[in-house]
Amino acid sequence: MFILGLTGSVGMGKTTAAAAFRQNGIAVYDADAAVHQLMGSKGKALGSVRKAFPEAVKNNCVDRRALGSIVYRNKKALAHLESILHPMVQDMQLEFLRKCAKSRAKLVVLDIPLLYENNIDRFCDAVAVVTAPLYLQKIRVLRRPGMTPKRFNQIVKNQLSDSQKRKRANFIIQTGLGQNHSLLCIRNIIDIAQNCHSNCWPI
């Protein structure tokens, strides 16, 4: 089973790229969705997050915007949050891979925003980086509710730069050249990956 890591800086179009892989019949593990589930009203991480950041929990659910405002300006707080979430997220990722291997999938995608930052690329056969011009990235991100230029800059500061990600990537998905270009690129990646030998997770 070939494991493809999918990553990209904020606003680059990674969510849309992940959806395109799904539309092509490829199973995708969504790390953001896993975090949402863990911090939901019945999530496994809710108790630990409430204890560490009580001001970020409202109506028995984590207010992600409030939590973000805390951790993005405090590296120690961010590290503590990651220490809570990462083991649980990794367990969910492992279970996803087990299920896919059992179903004899040829290719799976790990959609992980901080894939390089957390060294998860070491578990992948290859990595695809989603990218776009800086001006387009800013336009996309600043359209989001509650987003400000200051917060955008802080998010980018906490991520590996786009240029560094592209240098390390096996595949690059450009999302600023039109949808047809992106979809063709993704289709080509699927064709290549499904015909490659995996070193990470045998079928």
N, C-alpha and C. Protein backbone atom coordinates (compact mmCIF):
# COMPACT_ATOMS: atom_id res chain seq x y z
N MET A 1 0.85 -1.20 0.00
CA MET A 1 0.00 0.00 0.00
C MET A 1 0.88 1.24 0.00
N PHE A 2 0.68 2.11 -0.97
CA PHE A 2 1.47 3.31 -1.11
C PHE A 2 0.85 4.42 -0.27
N ILE A 3 1.65 5.02 0.61
CA ILE A 3 1.18 6.09 1.49
C ILE A 3 1.68 7.43 0.96
N LEU A 4 0.74 8.27 0.56
CA LEU A 4 1.07 9.60 0.04
C LEU A 4 0.73 10.66 1.07
N GLY A 5 1.71 11.41 1.51
CA GLY A 5 1.44 12.54 2.39
C GLY A 5 0.97 13.72 1.57
N LEU A 6 -0.04 14.41 2.06
CA LEU A 6 -0.56 15.61 1.39
C LEU A 6 -0.49 16.77 2.36
N THR A 7 0.21 17.82 1.98
CA THR A 7 0.36 18.95 2.89
C THR A 7 0.45 20.25 2.10
N GLY A 8 0.51 21.35 2.81
CA GLY A 8 0.58 22.66 2.19
C GLY A 8 0.28 23.72 3.23
N SER A 9 0.82 24.89 3.04
CA SER A 9 0.60 25.98 3.98
C SER A 9 -0.84 26.44 3.95
N VAL A 10 -1.23 27.21 4.95
CA VAL A 10 -2.61 27.69 5.05
C VAL A 10 -3.02 28.45 3.78
N GLY A 11 -4.22 28.17 3.30
CA GLY A 11 -4.76 28.89 2.16
C GLY A 11 -4.25 28.46 0.81
N MET A 12 -3.52 27.37 0.75
CA MET A 12 -2.96 26.93 -0.53
C MET A 12 -3.91 26.07 -1.36
N GLY A 13 -4.97 25.57 -0.74
CA GLY A 13 -5.93 24.75 -1.48
C GLY A 13 -5.85 23.26 -1.18
N LYS A 14 -5.27 22.92 -0.03
CA LYS A 14 -5.10 21.51 0.33
C LYS A 14 -6.42 20.79 0.51
N THR A 15 -7.41 21.45 1.10
CA THR A 15 -8.71 20.82 1.31
C THR A 15 -9.37 20.45 -0.01
N THR A 16 -9.26 21.34 -0.97
CA THR A 16 -9.81 21.07 -2.30
C THR A 16 -9.06 19.93 -2.98
N ALA A 17 -7.75 19.90 -2.82
CA ALA A 17 -6.96 18.81 -3.39
C ALA A 17 -7.33 17.47 -2.76
N ALA A 18 -7.52 17.45 -1.43
CA ALA A 18 -7.92 16.22 -0.75
C ALA A 18 -9.26 15.73 -1.27
N ALA A 19 -10.19 16.67 -1.50
CA ALA A 19 -11.50 16.30 -2.03
C ALA A 19 -11.37 15.67 -3.42
N ALA A 20 -10.43 16.16 -4.22
CA ALA A 20 -10.22 15.61 -5.56
C ALA A 20 -9.69 14.18 -5.49
N PHE A 21 -8.81 13.91 -4.52
CA PHE A 21 -8.35 12.53 -4.34
C PHE A 21 -9.53 11.62 -3.99
N ARG A 22 -10.40 12.08 -3.09
CA ARG A 22 -11.57 11.29 -2.72
C ARG A 22 -12.47 11.03 -3.92
N GLN A 23 -12.65 12.04 -4.74
CA GLN A 23 -13.49 11.90 -5.93
C GLN A 23 -12.92 10.88 -6.91
N ASN A 24 -11.62 10.65 -6.81
CA ASN A 24 -10.97 9.63 -7.64
C ASN A 24 -10.92 8.27 -6.95
N GLY A 25 -11.66 8.14 -5.86
CA GLY A 25 -11.77 6.85 -5.18
C GLY A 25 -10.65 6.52 -4.22
N ILE A 26 -9.86 7.52 -3.84
CA ILE A 26 -8.73 7.29 -2.93
C ILE A 26 -9.15 7.61 -1.49
N ALA A 27 -8.85 6.72 -0.57
CA ALA A 27 -9.15 6.95 0.85
C ALA A 27 -8.21 8.03 1.39
N VAL A 28 -8.78 9.01 2.11
CA VAL A 28 -8.00 10.12 2.63
C VAL A 28 -8.19 10.24 4.14
N TYR A 29 -7.09 10.27 4.86
CA TYR A 29 -7.13 10.53 6.30
C TYR A 29 -7.00 12.04 6.50
N ASP A 30 -7.96 12.65 7.16
CA ASP A 30 -8.01 14.09 7.37
C ASP A 30 -7.62 14.40 8.81
N ALA A 31 -6.41 14.91 9.01
CA ALA A 31 -5.93 15.19 10.37
C ALA A 31 -6.75 16.28 11.04
N ASP A 32 -7.17 17.30 10.27
CA ASP A 32 -8.00 18.36 10.85
C ASP A 32 -9.33 17.83 11.34
N ALA A 33 -9.93 16.94 10.55
CA ALA A 33 -11.20 16.34 10.95
C ALA A 33 -11.02 15.49 12.20
N ALA A 34 -9.89 14.82 12.30
CA ALA A 34 -9.60 14.01 13.49
C ALA A 34 -9.51 14.90 14.73
N VAL A 35 -8.87 16.06 14.59
CA VAL A 35 -8.75 16.99 15.71
C VAL A 35 -10.13 17.53 16.10
N HIS A 36 -10.95 17.85 15.11
CA HIS A 36 -12.32 18.31 15.38
C HIS A 36 -13.08 17.27 16.20
N GLN A 37 -12.95 16.02 15.79
CA GLN A 37 -13.64 14.94 16.48
C GLN A 37 -13.14 14.80 17.92
N LEU A 38 -11.85 14.87 18.09
CA LEU A 38 -11.27 14.72 19.43
C LEU A 38 -11.68 15.83 20.38
N MET A 39 -11.91 17.03 19.84
CA MET A 39 -12.24 18.17 20.70
C MET A 39 -13.73 18.49 20.69
N GLY A 40 -14.54 17.61 20.10
CA GLY A 40 -15.99 17.79 20.10
C GLY A 40 -16.58 17.49 21.46
N SER A 41 -17.89 17.59 21.56
CA SER A 41 -18.57 17.43 22.86
C SER A 41 -18.37 16.04 23.47
N LYS A 42 -18.10 15.04 22.62
CA LYS A 42 -17.87 13.69 23.12
C LYS A 42 -16.45 13.21 22.79
N GLY A 43 -15.59 14.15 22.46
CA GLY A 43 -14.24 13.81 22.05
C GLY A 43 -13.34 13.38 23.19
N LYS A 44 -12.38 12.53 22.88
CA LYS A 44 -11.47 11.99 23.89
C LYS A 44 -10.55 13.07 24.47
N ALA A 45 -10.32 14.13 23.72
CA ALA A 45 -9.38 15.15 24.19
C ALA A 45 -10.05 16.27 24.97
N LEU A 46 -11.38 16.28 25.01
CA LEU A 46 -12.10 17.41 25.61
C LEU A 46 -11.69 17.64 27.06
N GLY A 47 -11.62 16.60 27.85
CA GLY A 47 -11.28 16.74 29.26
C GLY A 47 -9.90 17.34 29.47
N SER A 48 -8.93 16.83 28.71
CA SER A 48 -7.55 17.32 28.86
C SER A 48 -7.42 18.76 28.38
N VAL A 49 -8.13 19.10 27.30
CA VAL A 49 -8.06 20.48 26.80
C VAL A 49 -8.75 21.43 27.78
N ARG A 50 -9.86 20.99 28.36
CA ARG A 50 -10.56 21.82 29.35
C ARG A 50 -9.66 22.10 30.55
N LYS A 51 -8.94 21.09 30.99
CA LYS A 51 -8.06 21.25 32.14
C LYS A 51 -6.92 22.21 31.84
N ALA A 52 -6.36 22.12 30.62
CA ALA A 52 -5.21 22.94 30.25
C ALA A 52 -5.61 24.35 29.83
N PHE A 53 -6.77 24.46 29.14
CA PHE A 53 -7.21 25.75 28.61
C PHE A 53 -8.70 25.96 28.89
N PRO A 54 -9.07 26.13 30.16
CA PRO A 54 -10.49 26.22 30.52
C PRO A 54 -11.23 27.35 29.82
N GLU A 55 -10.55 28.43 29.51
CA GLU A 55 -11.20 29.57 28.86
C GLU A 55 -11.57 29.28 27.40
N ALA A 56 -11.03 28.18 26.85
CA ALA A 56 -11.31 27.84 25.46
C ALA A 56 -12.45 26.84 25.30
N VAL A 57 -13.03 26.41 26.43
CA VAL A 57 -14.13 25.45 26.37
C VAL A 57 -15.44 26.14 26.74
N LYS A 58 -16.40 26.08 25.81
CA LYS A 58 -17.70 26.71 26.00
C LYS A 58 -18.79 25.75 25.59
N ASN A 59 -19.81 25.64 26.44
CA ASN A 59 -20.93 24.74 26.16
C ASN A 59 -20.47 23.31 25.89
N ASN A 60 -19.53 22.87 26.71
CA ASN A 60 -19.00 21.50 26.64
C ASN A 60 -18.38 21.18 25.29
N CYS A 61 -17.81 22.18 24.66
CA CYS A 61 -17.15 22.00 23.37
C CYS A 61 -16.00 23.00 23.28
N VAL A 62 -14.94 22.62 22.60
CA VAL A 62 -13.79 23.52 22.45
C VAL A 62 -14.11 24.59 21.41
N ASP A 63 -13.94 25.83 21.81
CA ASP A 63 -14.06 26.95 20.88
C ASP A 63 -12.72 27.10 20.17
N ARG A 64 -12.64 26.63 18.94
CA ARG A 64 -11.36 26.57 18.23
C ARG A 64 -10.76 27.95 18.00
N ARG A 65 -11.62 28.94 17.81
CA ARG A 65 -11.10 30.29 17.59
C ARG A 65 -10.46 30.82 18.87
N ALA A 66 -11.12 30.57 20.01
CA ALA A 66 -10.57 31.01 21.28
C ALA A 66 -9.28 30.26 21.60
N LEU A 67 -9.28 28.97 21.31
CA LEU A 67 -8.08 28.17 21.56
C LEU A 67 -6.93 28.64 20.67
N GLY A 68 -7.26 28.93 19.41
CA GLY A 68 -6.24 29.39 18.48
C GLY A 68 -5.61 30.69 18.92
N SER A 69 -6.43 31.60 19.46
CA SER A 69 -5.90 32.88 19.90
C SER A 69 -4.95 32.72 21.07
N ILE A 70 -5.10 31.63 21.82
CA ILE A 70 -4.21 31.36 22.96
C ILE A 70 -2.89 30.77 22.48
N VAL A 71 -2.98 29.72 21.66
CA VAL A 71 -1.76 28.97 21.33
C VAL A 71 -0.90 29.63 20.26
N TYR A 72 -1.50 30.41 19.37
CA TYR A 72 -0.70 31.01 18.31
C TYR A 72 0.19 32.15 18.80
N ARG A 73 -0.04 32.64 19.98
CA ARG A 73 0.84 33.68 20.52
C ARG A 73 1.71 33.14 21.67
N ASN A 74 1.63 31.85 21.92
CA ASN A 74 2.35 31.27 23.05
C ASN A 74 2.90 29.89 22.66
N LYS A 75 4.20 29.81 22.42
CA LYS A 75 4.80 28.57 21.95
C LYS A 75 4.67 27.45 22.98
N LYS A 76 4.77 27.79 24.27
CA LYS A 76 4.64 26.77 25.30
C LYS A 76 3.22 26.20 25.33
N ALA A 77 2.24 27.08 25.16
CA ALA A 77 0.85 26.63 25.14
C ALA A 77 0.60 25.74 23.92
N LEU A 78 1.16 26.13 22.78
CA LEU A 78 1.00 25.33 21.57
C LEU A 78 1.63 23.96 21.74
N ALA A 79 2.82 23.92 22.35
CA ALA A 79 3.50 22.65 22.57
C ALA A 79 2.69 21.76 23.51
N HIS A 80 2.07 22.37 24.53
CA HIS A 80 1.25 21.60 25.47
C HIS A 80 0.01 21.04 24.77
N LEU A 81 -0.62 21.85 23.94
CA LEU A 81 -1.79 21.37 23.19
C LEU A 81 -1.40 20.21 22.28
N GLU A 82 -0.28 20.36 21.61
CA GLU A 82 0.19 19.30 20.71
C GLU A 82 0.49 18.02 21.47
N SER A 83 1.01 18.14 22.69
CA SER A 83 1.31 16.95 23.49
C SER A 83 0.03 16.20 23.88
N ILE A 84 -1.07 16.93 23.95
CA ILE A 84 -2.36 16.31 24.25
C ILE A 84 -2.93 15.63 23.01
N LEU A 85 -2.91 16.36 21.90
CA LEU A 85 -3.60 15.90 20.70
C LEU A 85 -2.83 14.89 19.86
N HIS A 86 -1.52 15.08 19.73
CA HIS A 86 -0.76 14.27 18.78
C HIS A 86 -0.84 12.77 19.02
N PRO A 87 -0.71 12.28 20.25
CA PRO A 87 -0.81 10.83 20.43
C PRO A 87 -2.18 10.28 20.00
N MET A 88 -3.24 11.03 20.28
CA MET A 88 -4.58 10.59 19.90
C MET A 88 -4.77 10.64 18.39
N VAL A 89 -4.26 11.69 17.76
CA VAL A 89 -4.35 11.82 16.31
C VAL A 89 -3.57 10.70 15.63
N GLN A 90 -2.40 10.37 16.16
CA GLN A 90 -1.59 9.31 15.58
C GLN A 90 -2.27 7.95 15.70
N ASP A 91 -2.98 7.73 16.82
CA ASP A 91 -3.73 6.48 16.98
C ASP A 91 -4.82 6.37 15.91
N MET A 92 -5.50 7.48 15.63
CA MET A 92 -6.55 7.48 14.61
C MET A 92 -5.94 7.27 13.23
N GLN A 93 -4.77 7.85 13.00
CA GLN A 93 -4.08 7.67 11.72
C GLN A 93 -3.69 6.21 11.53
N LEU A 94 -3.17 5.59 12.57
CA LEU A 94 -2.76 4.19 12.49
C LEU A 94 -3.95 3.29 12.22
N GLU A 95 -5.07 3.58 12.86
CA GLU A 95 -6.27 2.76 12.65
C GLU A 95 -6.76 2.91 11.21
N PHE A 96 -6.68 4.11 10.66
CA PHE A 96 -7.05 4.35 9.26
C PHE A 96 -6.18 3.49 8.34
N LEU A 97 -4.86 3.49 8.58
CA LEU A 97 -3.96 2.72 7.73
C LEU A 97 -4.22 1.22 7.85
N ARG A 98 -4.53 0.76 9.03
CA ARG A 98 -4.84 -0.66 9.22
C ARG A 98 -6.07 -1.07 8.41
N LYS A 99 -7.10 -0.25 8.47
CA LYS A 99 -8.33 -0.55 7.74
C LYS A 99 -8.08 -0.56 6.23
N CYS A 100 -7.29 0.41 5.77
CA CYS A 100 -7.01 0.49 4.34
C CYS A 100 -6.17 -0.69 3.88
N ALA A 101 -5.19 -1.10 4.70
CA ALA A 101 -4.37 -2.25 4.36
C ALA A 101 -5.21 -3.52 4.32
N LYS A 102 -6.14 -3.63 5.25
CA LYS A 102 -7.02 -4.80 5.29
C LYS A 102 -7.90 -4.87 4.05
N SER A 103 -8.28 -3.70 3.52
CA SER A 103 -9.13 -3.68 2.32
C SER A 103 -8.29 -3.74 1.04
N ARG A 104 -6.96 -3.88 1.22
CA ARG A 104 -6.00 -4.03 0.12
C ARG A 104 -6.00 -2.81 -0.81
N ALA A 105 -6.05 -1.64 -0.23
CA ALA A 105 -5.96 -0.41 -1.02
C ALA A 105 -4.54 -0.28 -1.59
N LYS A 106 -4.45 0.17 -2.83
CA LYS A 106 -3.14 0.38 -3.45
C LYS A 106 -2.53 1.71 -3.02
N LEU A 107 -3.39 2.69 -2.76
CA LEU A 107 -2.93 4.03 -2.43
C LEU A 107 -3.84 4.66 -1.38
N VAL A 108 -3.24 5.31 -0.40
CA VAL A 108 -4.00 6.10 0.58
C VAL A 108 -3.30 7.45 0.73
N VAL A 109 -4.07 8.44 1.19
CA VAL A 109 -3.53 9.78 1.36
C VAL A 109 -3.65 10.21 2.81
N LEU A 110 -2.57 10.76 3.36
CA LEU A 110 -2.58 11.34 4.69
C LEU A 110 -2.59 12.85 4.54
N ASP A 111 -3.75 13.46 4.74
CA ASP A 111 -3.92 14.91 4.63
C ASP A 111 -3.58 15.54 5.97
N ILE A 112 -2.35 16.08 6.08
CA ILE A 112 -1.84 16.57 7.36
C ILE A 112 -1.18 17.93 7.16
N PRO A 113 -1.76 19.00 7.71
CA PRO A 113 -1.20 20.34 7.53
C PRO A 113 0.26 20.47 7.98
N LEU A 114 0.58 19.92 9.15
CA LEU A 114 1.93 20.04 9.70
C LEU A 114 2.73 18.75 9.50
N LEU A 115 2.62 18.17 8.35
CA LEU A 115 3.26 16.89 8.07
C LEU A 115 4.77 16.97 8.21
N TYR A 116 5.39 17.98 7.62
CA TYR A 116 6.84 18.13 7.74
C TYR A 116 7.24 18.60 9.13
N GLU A 117 6.46 19.54 9.66
CA GLU A 117 6.80 20.10 10.98
C GLU A 117 6.82 19.03 12.06
N ASN A 118 5.97 18.01 11.92
CA ASN A 118 5.90 16.95 12.92
C ASN A 118 6.59 15.66 12.46
N ASN A 119 7.37 15.77 11.38
CA ASN A 119 8.17 14.64 10.87
C ASN A 119 7.34 13.41 10.48
N ILE A 120 6.11 13.64 10.08
CA ILE A 120 5.25 12.53 9.68
C ILE A 120 5.61 12.05 8.27
N ASP A 121 6.36 12.86 7.53
CA ASP A 121 6.77 12.44 6.20
C ASP A 121 7.62 11.16 6.23
N ARG A 122 8.20 10.86 7.39
CA ARG A 122 9.02 9.64 7.48
C ARG A 122 8.18 8.38 7.37
N PHE A 123 6.86 8.50 7.54
CA PHE A 123 5.96 7.36 7.42
C PHE A 123 5.37 7.26 6.02
N CYS A 124 5.74 8.16 5.13
CA CYS A 124 5.14 8.23 3.80
C CYS A 124 6.12 7.73 2.73
N ASP A 125 5.56 7.17 1.67
CA ASP A 125 6.37 6.79 0.52
C ASP A 125 6.74 8.01 -0.31
N ALA A 126 5.85 9.00 -0.33
CA ALA A 126 6.09 10.24 -1.06
C ALA A 126 5.19 11.31 -0.47
N VAL A 127 5.50 12.57 -0.80
CA VAL A 127 4.73 13.70 -0.30
C VAL A 127 4.35 14.61 -1.46
N ALA A 128 3.10 15.02 -1.48
CA ALA A 128 2.61 16.01 -2.44
C ALA A 128 2.34 17.31 -1.69
N VAL A 129 2.91 18.40 -2.16
CA VAL A 129 2.72 19.70 -1.55
C VAL A 129 1.81 20.55 -2.43
N VAL A 130 0.77 21.10 -1.81
CA VAL A 130 -0.16 21.98 -2.51
C VAL A 130 0.33 23.42 -2.34
N THR A 131 0.41 24.15 -3.44
CA THR A 131 0.99 25.49 -3.37
C THR A 131 0.22 26.45 -4.28
N ALA A 132 0.42 27.73 -4.04
CA ALA A 132 -0.20 28.80 -4.82
C ALA A 132 0.62 30.06 -4.61
N PRO A 133 0.49 31.06 -5.48
CA PRO A 133 1.22 32.32 -5.27
C PRO A 133 0.82 32.98 -3.96
N LEU A 134 1.76 33.72 -3.37
CA LEU A 134 1.53 34.36 -2.07
C LEU A 134 0.32 35.28 -2.09
N TYR A 135 0.16 36.06 -3.16
CA TYR A 135 -0.97 37.00 -3.20
C TYR A 135 -2.30 36.25 -3.14
N LEU A 136 -2.37 35.10 -3.81
CA LEU A 136 -3.60 34.31 -3.82
C LEU A 136 -3.83 33.66 -2.46
N GLN A 137 -2.76 33.20 -1.84
CA GLN A 137 -2.85 32.63 -0.50
C GLN A 137 -3.44 33.65 0.47
N LYS A 138 -2.94 34.89 0.44
CA LYS A 138 -3.43 35.93 1.34
C LYS A 138 -4.90 36.24 1.09
N ILE A 139 -5.29 36.33 -0.16
CA ILE A 139 -6.69 36.61 -0.50
C ILE A 139 -7.60 35.54 0.08
N ARG A 140 -7.22 34.27 -0.10
CA ARG A 140 -8.04 33.15 0.38
C ARG A 140 -8.16 33.17 1.90
N VAL A 141 -7.04 33.35 2.58
CA VAL A 141 -7.05 33.26 4.04
C VAL A 141 -7.78 34.44 4.67
N LEU A 142 -7.55 35.63 4.16
CA LEU A 142 -8.17 36.82 4.75
C LEU A 142 -9.67 36.89 4.51
N ARG A 143 -10.19 36.03 3.65
CA ARG A 143 -11.64 35.94 3.46
C ARG A 143 -12.31 35.15 4.57
N ARG A 144 -11.52 34.42 5.35
CA ARG A 144 -12.09 33.56 6.39
C ARG A 144 -12.62 34.40 7.54
N PRO A 145 -13.73 33.99 8.13
CA PRO A 145 -14.31 34.74 9.25
C PRO A 145 -13.33 34.88 10.41
N GLY A 146 -13.21 36.10 10.92
CA GLY A 146 -12.35 36.35 12.07
C GLY A 146 -10.87 36.43 11.77
N MET A 147 -10.48 36.26 10.51
CA MET A 147 -9.06 36.30 10.17
C MET A 147 -8.58 37.74 9.99
N THR A 148 -7.38 38.01 10.46
CA THR A 148 -6.76 39.33 10.32
C THR A 148 -5.36 39.14 9.73
N PRO A 149 -4.78 40.20 9.16
CA PRO A 149 -3.41 40.08 8.64
C PRO A 149 -2.42 39.65 9.72
N LYS A 150 -2.60 40.13 10.93
CA LYS A 150 -1.70 39.77 12.02
C LYS A 150 -1.78 38.29 12.34
N ARG A 151 -3.01 37.78 12.40
CA ARG A 151 -3.16 36.36 12.71
C ARG A 151 -2.66 35.49 11.55
N PHE A 152 -2.91 35.95 10.33
CA PHE A 152 -2.40 35.23 9.16
C PHE A 152 -0.88 35.10 9.23
N ASN A 153 -0.21 36.20 9.54
CA ASN A 153 1.25 36.19 9.63
C ASN A 153 1.74 35.26 10.74
N GLN A 154 1.00 35.20 11.83
CA GLN A 154 1.39 34.33 12.94
C GLN A 154 1.23 32.87 12.57
N ILE A 155 0.16 32.54 11.85
CA ILE A 155 -0.05 31.16 11.40
C ILE A 155 1.08 30.74 10.47
N VAL A 156 1.40 31.61 9.51
CA VAL A 156 2.46 31.30 8.55
C VAL A 156 3.80 31.13 9.28
N LYS A 157 4.03 31.94 10.30
CA LYS A 157 5.28 31.87 11.07
C LYS A 157 5.43 30.52 11.76
N ASN A 158 4.32 29.91 12.15
CA ASN A 158 4.36 28.63 12.85
C ASN A 158 4.47 27.44 11.90
N GLN A 159 4.46 27.71 10.60
CA GLN A 159 4.55 26.64 9.62
C GLN A 159 5.87 26.72 8.86
N LEU A 160 6.32 25.58 8.37
CA LEU A 160 7.47 25.56 7.47
C LEU A 160 7.10 26.37 6.23
N SER A 161 8.04 27.13 5.69
CA SER A 161 7.72 28.00 4.57
C SER A 161 7.31 27.18 3.34
N ASP A 162 6.53 27.82 2.48
CA ASP A 162 6.09 27.16 1.25
C ASP A 162 7.28 26.74 0.40
N SER A 163 8.28 27.58 0.30
CA SER A 163 9.45 27.25 -0.52
C SER A 163 10.19 26.03 0.02
N GLN A 164 10.29 25.92 1.34
CA GLN A 164 10.95 24.76 1.95
C GLN A 164 10.14 23.48 1.71
N LYS A 165 8.84 23.60 1.80
CA LYS A 165 7.99 22.43 1.54
C LYS A 165 8.14 21.95 0.10
N ARG A 166 8.15 22.91 -0.83
CA ARG A 166 8.27 22.54 -2.24
C ARG A 166 9.61 21.88 -2.53
N LYS A 167 10.67 22.32 -1.88
CA LYS A 167 11.99 21.73 -2.07
C LYS A 167 12.01 20.27 -1.61
N ARG A 168 11.25 19.96 -0.59
CA ARG A 168 11.25 18.61 -0.02
C ARG A 168 10.23 17.69 -0.67
N ALA A 169 9.33 18.24 -1.46
CA ALA A 169 8.21 17.47 -2.01
C ALA A 169 8.64 16.52 -3.13
N ASN A 170 7.92 15.42 -3.24
CA ASN A 170 8.05 14.53 -4.40
C ASN A 170 7.15 14.99 -5.54
N PHE A 171 6.00 15.56 -5.17
CA PHE A 171 5.05 16.08 -6.14
C PHE A 171 4.60 17.47 -5.70
N ILE A 172 4.32 18.33 -6.66
CA ILE A 172 3.80 19.66 -6.36
C ILE A 172 2.48 19.87 -7.10
N ILE A 173 1.46 20.30 -6.36
CA ILE A 173 0.14 20.57 -6.93
C ILE A 173 -0.08 22.08 -6.92
N GLN A 174 -0.05 22.68 -8.09
CA GLN A 174 -0.28 24.11 -8.21
C GLN A 174 -1.79 24.37 -8.26
N THR A 175 -2.29 25.23 -7.38
CA THR A 175 -3.73 25.51 -7.37
C THR A 175 -4.06 26.91 -7.88
N GLY A 176 -3.07 27.61 -8.37
CA GLY A 176 -3.30 28.96 -8.87
C GLY A 176 -3.38 29.03 -10.38
N LEU A 177 -3.38 27.88 -11.03
CA LEU A 177 -3.37 27.84 -12.50
C LEU A 177 -4.68 27.30 -13.07
N GLY A 178 -5.72 27.25 -12.26
CA GLY A 178 -7.01 26.77 -12.73
C GLY A 178 -7.29 25.35 -12.26
N GLN A 179 -8.58 25.06 -12.11
CA GLN A 179 -8.99 23.76 -11.59
C GLN A 179 -8.56 22.60 -12.47
N ASN A 180 -8.66 22.75 -13.78
CA ASN A 180 -8.30 21.65 -14.68
C ASN A 180 -6.83 21.26 -14.53
N HIS A 181 -5.97 22.26 -14.35
CA HIS A 181 -4.54 21.98 -14.16
C HIS A 181 -4.33 21.18 -12.88
N SER A 182 -4.97 21.58 -11.79
CA SER A 182 -4.82 20.89 -10.51
C SER A 182 -5.33 19.46 -10.59
N LEU A 183 -6.49 19.27 -11.21
CA LEU A 183 -7.08 17.94 -11.30
C LEU A 183 -6.24 17.01 -12.15
N LEU A 184 -5.67 17.52 -13.23
CA LEU A 184 -4.79 16.71 -14.07
C LEU A 184 -3.55 16.30 -13.30
N CYS A 185 -3.00 17.21 -12.53
CA CYS A 185 -1.83 16.92 -11.71
C CYS A 185 -2.13 15.82 -10.70
N ILE A 186 -3.28 15.91 -10.06
CA ILE A 186 -3.68 14.91 -9.07
C ILE A 186 -3.90 13.55 -9.72
N ARG A 187 -4.51 13.55 -10.89
CA ARG A 187 -4.72 12.28 -11.60
C ARG A 187 -3.38 11.63 -11.96
N ASN A 188 -2.42 12.44 -12.37
CA ASN A 188 -1.09 11.91 -12.70
C ASN A 188 -0.39 11.34 -11.46
N ILE A 189 -0.55 12.02 -10.33
CA ILE A 189 0.04 11.53 -9.08
C ILE A 189 -0.56 10.18 -8.70
N ILE A 190 -1.87 10.07 -8.84
CA ILE A 190 -2.54 8.80 -8.52
C ILE A 190 -2.01 7.68 -9.41
N ASP A 191 -1.88 7.94 -10.70
CA ASP A 191 -1.40 6.91 -11.63
C ASP A 191 0.02 6.47 -11.27
N ILE A 192 0.88 7.43 -10.94
CA ILE A 192 2.26 7.10 -10.58
C ILE A 192 2.30 6.31 -9.27
N ALA A 193 1.60 6.79 -8.25
CA ALA A 193 1.65 6.18 -6.93
C ALA A 193 1.08 4.76 -6.94
N GLN A 194 0.02 4.54 -7.69
CA GLN A 194 -0.61 3.22 -7.70
C GLN A 194 0.26 2.18 -8.41
N ASN A 195 1.25 2.64 -9.14
CA ASN A 195 2.12 1.72 -9.85
C ASN A 195 3.52 1.67 -9.23
N CYS A 196 3.67 2.27 -8.06
CA CYS A 196 4.96 2.27 -7.37
C CYS A 196 4.98 1.23 -6.26
N HIS A 197 6.17 0.77 -5.94
CA HIS A 197 6.34 -0.13 -4.81
C HIS A 197 6.41 0.66 -3.52
N SER A 198 5.70 0.21 -2.50
CA SER A 198 5.71 0.89 -1.21
C SER A 198 6.74 0.29 -0.28
N ASN A 199 7.44 1.18 0.43
CA ASN A 199 8.39 0.73 1.44
C ASN A 199 7.85 0.86 2.85
N CYS A 200 6.62 1.44 2.96
CA CYS A 200 6.11 1.81 4.28
C CYS A 200 5.07 0.86 4.84
N TRP A 201 4.16 0.41 4.02
CA TRP A 201 3.04 -0.37 4.54
C TRP A 201 2.65 -1.45 3.54
N PRO A 202 3.15 -2.66 3.70
CA PRO A 202 2.86 -3.73 2.72
C PRO A 202 1.37 -4.08 2.71
N ILE A 203 0.88 -4.40 1.51
CA ILE A 203 -0.52 -4.83 1.39
C ILE A 203 -0.69 -6.19 2.05
